């Protein structure tokens, strides 16, 4: 059980997981909206839902933003056009699922792509050999740190970001698990936020589960495994 001070950072945990969603932006229906609307409906069928969670988990509204610091830096580091990182496919987003006793948060986004070429480009953002180093580089860039501090507010000061691969679950051939850890200081208190991003692919659709935790208090492994499995099943 976390102390009172840690509970005060619950909003930060959720906000941080949203603003670090590389390549994800609020969807706006353009011309040809019916085709995109059909794709979004397909994506929604894959999303995790409240009934996938045990008792004690609550929901809060998703808040996907076009203003995502770090996209240009990630693109430059990976050697791809920034348009690849900023690509805005038909997508659906789950609510944020929150567990008050540990300040853990889980969210999910699902995207549908028009062809294998575009899908491969997008999946490579989370599966390239350089992905961990490039994410860490982006979020250690002074301008990105400043932008994130302004978005979170409340006196946040970013420390060092690190990233690494984690072992892949046995749920399919195209799966990656990237962990990003960022040190914070606020009001003379230091803590660490960890994002674990599980990205999986099937039939021109990607699903990304993001598990966000505070000070190494992990989401139970059984729940992580369950959410990975139900997502893989819904992807088909």
Protein backbone atom coordinates (compact mmCIF):
# COMPACT_ATOMS: atom_id res chain seq x y z
CA UNK A 1 0.00 0.00 0.00
CA UNK A 2 1.39 3.41 -0.94
CA UNK A 3 1.55 6.37 1.36
CA UNK A 4 -0.53 9.54 1.16
CA UNK A 5 2.18 11.47 -0.71
CA UNK A 6 2.28 8.89 -3.46
CA UNK A 7 -1.48 8.95 -3.87
CA UNK A 8 -1.17 12.67 -4.60
CA UNK A 9 0.66 11.79 -7.81
CA UNK A 10 -2.07 9.57 -9.29
CA UNK A 11 -3.08 12.26 -11.78
CA UNK A 12 0.54 12.53 -12.91
CA UNK A 13 0.71 8.81 -13.61
CA UNK A 14 -2.30 8.97 -15.93
CA UNK A 15 -1.25 12.24 -17.57
CA UNK A 16 2.28 11.01 -18.19
CA UNK A 17 1.08 7.83 -19.90
CA UNK A 18 -1.05 9.94 -22.27
CA UNK A 19 1.50 12.58 -23.26
CA UNK A 20 4.23 10.00 -23.93
CA UNK A 21 2.08 8.15 -26.48
CA UNK A 22 4.43 8.50 -29.45
CA UNK A 23 2.58 8.56 -32.75
CA UNK A 24 -0.87 8.68 -31.14
CA UNK A 25 -3.05 11.73 -31.68
CA UNK A 26 -6.68 12.70 -31.41
CA UNK A 27 -8.55 11.37 -34.42
CA UNK A 28 -10.51 13.77 -36.61
CA UNK A 29 -12.67 12.36 -39.41
CA UNK A 30 -11.58 13.82 -42.78
CA UNK A 31 -13.07 13.28 -46.25
CA UNK A 32 -13.85 9.61 -46.78
CA UNK A 33 -15.14 9.52 -43.23
CA UNK A 34 -17.29 6.43 -43.74
CA UNK A 35 -14.25 4.26 -44.53
CA UNK A 36 -12.38 5.58 -41.53
CA UNK A 37 -15.42 5.25 -39.30
CA UNK A 38 -15.66 1.58 -40.28
CA UNK A 39 -12.00 1.12 -39.38
CA UNK A 40 -12.52 2.83 -36.01
CA UNK A 41 -15.47 0.54 -35.29
CA UNK A 42 -13.19 -2.42 -36.01
CA UNK A 43 -10.55 -1.02 -33.66
CA UNK A 44 -13.06 -0.53 -30.84
CA UNK A 45 -13.87 -4.24 -30.84
CA UNK A 46 -10.29 -4.99 -29.79
CA UNK A 47 -10.07 -2.56 -26.86
CA UNK A 48 -9.85 -3.74 -23.28
CA UNK A 49 -12.98 -2.99 -21.22
CA UNK A 50 -13.93 -2.64 -17.56
CA UNK A 51 -15.09 -6.27 -17.30
CA UNK A 52 -11.54 -7.39 -18.16
CA UNK A 53 -10.39 -6.07 -14.77
CA UNK A 54 -10.89 -7.41 -11.24
CA UNK A 55 -12.73 -5.48 -8.54
CA UNK A 56 -11.07 -2.29 -7.35
CA UNK A 57 -10.18 -0.83 -10.73
CA UNK A 58 -11.93 2.38 -11.79
CA UNK A 59 -12.03 4.33 -15.04
CA UNK A 60 -11.28 7.88 -16.07
CA UNK A 61 -11.66 9.51 -19.45
CA UNK A 62 -8.99 9.09 -22.09
CA UNK A 63 -7.33 12.37 -23.03
CA UNK A 64 -5.38 11.83 -26.25
CA UNK A 65 -3.58 14.91 -27.47
CA UNK A 66 -2.02 16.09 -30.72
CA UNK A 67 0.65 17.88 -28.70
CA UNK A 68 3.13 15.04 -28.07
CA UNK A 69 6.67 16.17 -27.21
CA UNK A 70 9.51 14.04 -28.53
CA UNK A 71 8.11 12.91 -31.88
CA UNK A 72 10.70 14.83 -33.94
CA UNK A 73 13.55 13.52 -31.79
CA UNK A 74 12.38 9.91 -32.02
CA UNK A 75 12.02 10.22 -35.81
CA UNK A 76 15.49 11.70 -36.22
CA UNK A 77 17.09 9.06 -34.01
CA UNK A 78 15.34 6.19 -35.83
CA UNK A 79 16.17 7.71 -39.22
CA UNK A 80 12.57 7.95 -40.41
CA UNK A 81 10.55 10.96 -41.60
CA UNK A 82 8.67 12.71 -38.80
CA UNK A 83 5.52 12.05 -40.84
CA UNK A 84 5.91 8.36 -39.97
CA UNK A 85 5.92 9.11 -36.24
CA UNK A 86 3.06 11.61 -36.63
CA UNK A 87 0.96 9.29 -38.81
CA UNK A 88 -2.67 9.43 -37.73
CA UNK A 89 -4.47 6.16 -38.58
CA UNK A 90 -8.09 5.34 -37.72
CA UNK A 91 -7.79 4.54 -34.02
CA UNK A 92 -9.80 3.78 -30.91
CA UNK A 93 -8.80 4.47 -27.33
CA UNK A 94 -9.83 2.83 -24.09
CA UNK A 95 -10.53 4.80 -20.94
CA UNK A 96 -7.74 4.94 -18.38
CA UNK A 97 -8.15 2.06 -15.93
CA UNK A 98 -6.84 3.04 -12.50
CA UNK A 99 -6.06 1.20 -9.26
CA UNK A 100 -6.05 3.63 -6.35
CA UNK A 101 -4.11 1.52 -3.87
CA UNK A 102 -0.97 1.56 -6.04
CA UNK A 103 -1.65 4.48 -8.41
CA UNK A 104 -1.26 2.07 -11.32
CA UNK A 105 -2.92 2.91 -14.62
CA UNK A 106 -3.59 0.87 -17.78
CA UNK A 107 -4.75 2.15 -21.15
CA UNK A 108 -5.07 0.73 -24.62
CA UNK A 109 -5.06 2.11 -28.14
CA UNK A 110 -5.85 0.18 -31.31
CA UNK A 111 -5.12 1.37 -34.85
CA UNK A 112 -6.05 0.07 -38.30
CA UNK A 113 -3.68 0.52 -41.27
CA UNK A 114 -4.39 0.57 -45.00
CA UNK A 115 -1.60 -1.77 -46.13
CA UNK A 116 1.36 -3.86 -45.00
CA UNK A 117 3.92 -1.15 -45.89
CA UNK A 118 2.35 1.41 -43.58
CA UNK A 119 1.80 -1.17 -40.86
CA UNK A 120 5.46 -2.23 -41.02
CA UNK A 121 6.60 1.40 -40.78
CA UNK A 122 4.45 1.98 -37.73
CA UNK A 123 5.31 -1.26 -35.95
CA UNK A 124 9.01 -0.57 -36.49
CA UNK A 125 8.70 2.46 -34.21
CA UNK A 126 8.23 0.00 -31.34
CA UNK A 127 10.33 -2.92 -32.61
CA UNK A 128 13.51 -1.49 -34.13
CA UNK A 129 16.83 -2.42 -32.53
CA UNK A 130 17.30 1.31 -31.86
CA UNK A 131 13.86 1.91 -30.32
CA UNK A 132 14.90 1.87 -26.61
CA UNK A 133 17.89 4.15 -27.18
CA UNK A 134 15.84 6.53 -29.32
CA UNK A 135 13.01 6.82 -26.78
CA UNK A 136 15.52 7.50 -24.01
CA UNK A 137 17.31 10.05 -26.20
CA UNK A 138 14.07 11.87 -27.02
CA UNK A 139 12.94 12.20 -23.42
CA UNK A 140 16.38 13.24 -22.20
CA UNK A 141 16.42 16.15 -24.67
CA UNK A 142 16.20 19.42 -22.69
CA UNK A 143 13.47 20.92 -24.88
CA UNK A 144 11.31 17.80 -24.54
CA UNK A 145 11.80 17.74 -20.76
CA UNK A 146 10.73 21.38 -20.56
CA UNK A 147 7.63 20.73 -22.68
CA UNK A 148 6.63 17.73 -20.55
CA UNK A 149 7.16 19.68 -17.32
CA UNK A 150 4.85 22.42 -18.63
CA UNK A 151 2.17 19.92 -19.64
CA UNK A 152 2.18 18.15 -16.28
CA UNK A 153 2.65 21.32 -14.21
CA UNK A 154 2.59 21.29 -10.39
CA UNK A 155 6.32 21.93 -10.15
CA UNK A 156 7.40 18.80 -12.01
CA UNK A 157 11.12 18.46 -12.77
CA UNK A 158 12.22 15.67 -15.10
CA UNK A 159 15.33 13.66 -14.36
CA UNK A 160 16.90 10.92 -16.43
CA UNK A 161 14.86 8.67 -18.75
CA UNK A 162 16.00 5.12 -19.50
CA UNK A 163 14.46 2.49 -21.79
CA UNK A 164 14.95 -1.21 -22.46
CA UNK A 165 13.30 -4.26 -23.97
CA UNK A 166 11.45 -6.72 -21.74
CA UNK A 167 10.81 -10.39 -22.58
CA UNK A 168 7.99 -10.93 -25.07
CA UNK A 169 4.85 -12.78 -23.97
CA UNK A 170 3.95 -15.87 -25.97
CA UNK A 171 0.92 -14.34 -27.69
CA UNK A 172 2.00 -14.07 -31.32
CA UNK A 173 4.88 -13.50 -33.70
CA UNK A 174 4.76 -9.70 -33.88
CA UNK A 175 4.96 -8.50 -30.30
CA UNK A 176 7.30 -6.04 -28.58
CA UNK A 177 7.54 -4.96 -24.94
CA UNK A 178 9.30 -1.65 -24.31
CA UNK A 179 9.84 -0.27 -20.82
CA UNK A 180 10.48 3.45 -20.27
CA UNK A 181 11.44 4.76 -16.81
CA UNK A 182 11.56 8.46 -15.95
CA UNK A 183 12.74 10.02 -12.69
CA UNK A 184 10.76 13.00 -11.37
CA UNK A 185 11.14 15.50 -8.60
CA UNK A 186 8.27 17.59 -7.30
CA UNK A 187 8.11 19.69 -4.18
CA UNK A 188 11.40 18.15 -3.00
CA UNK A 189 10.06 14.60 -3.37
CA UNK A 190 11.54 12.18 -5.89
CA UNK A 191 9.82 9.26 -7.53
CA UNK A 192 9.95 7.11 -10.69
CA UNK A 193 7.21 6.54 -13.25
CA UNK A 194 7.51 3.39 -15.35
CA UNK A 195 5.66 2.82 -18.62
CA UNK A 196 5.57 -0.67 -20.09
CA UNK A 197 4.25 -0.64 -23.65
CA UNK A 198 3.12 -3.97 -25.10
CA UNK A 199 2.61 -3.63 -28.85
CA UNK A 200 1.09 -6.46 -30.88
CA UNK A 201 0.09 -6.81 -34.53
CA UNK A 202 -2.42 -8.88 -36.47
CA UNK A 203 -4.18 -8.41 -39.83
CA UNK A 204 -3.28 -4.72 -40.43
CA UNK A 205 -4.23 -3.84 -36.83
CA UNK A 206 -1.97 -2.86 -33.95
CA UNK A 207 -2.92 -2.83 -30.28
CA UNK A 208 -0.78 -1.20 -27.63
CA UNK A 209 -1.36 -1.80 -23.93
CA UNK A 210 0.41 0.72 -21.72
CA UNK A 211 0.94 -0.14 -18.05
CA UNK A 212 1.96 2.88 -15.98
CA UNK A 213 3.24 2.43 -12.42
CA UNK A 214 4.79 4.54 -9.69
CA UNK A 215 7.94 3.71 -7.71
CA UNK A 216 8.23 0.10 -8.89
CA UNK A 217 4.81 -1.02 -7.60
CA UNK A 218 3.92 -3.28 -10.51
CA UNK A 219 0.57 -4.22 -12.00
CA UNK A 220 0.00 -7.86 -10.92
CA UNK A 221 1.59 -10.25 -13.41
CA UNK A 222 -1.61 -12.28 -13.63
CA UNK A 223 -3.58 -9.22 -14.74
CA UNK A 224 -0.90 -8.21 -17.27
CA UNK A 225 -0.98 -11.72 -18.74
CA UNK A 226 -4.78 -11.72 -18.84
CA UNK A 227 -4.99 -8.36 -20.64
CA UNK A 228 -2.33 -9.42 -23.13
CA UNK A 229 -4.21 -12.64 -23.84
CA UNK A 230 -7.66 -11.09 -24.31
CA UNK A 231 -6.19 -8.40 -26.56
CA UNK A 232 -4.44 -11.02 -28.70
CA UNK A 233 -7.69 -12.99 -28.96
CA UNK A 234 -9.65 -9.93 -30.05
CA UNK A 235 -7.01 -9.06 -32.62
CA UNK A 236 -7.56 -12.52 -34.10
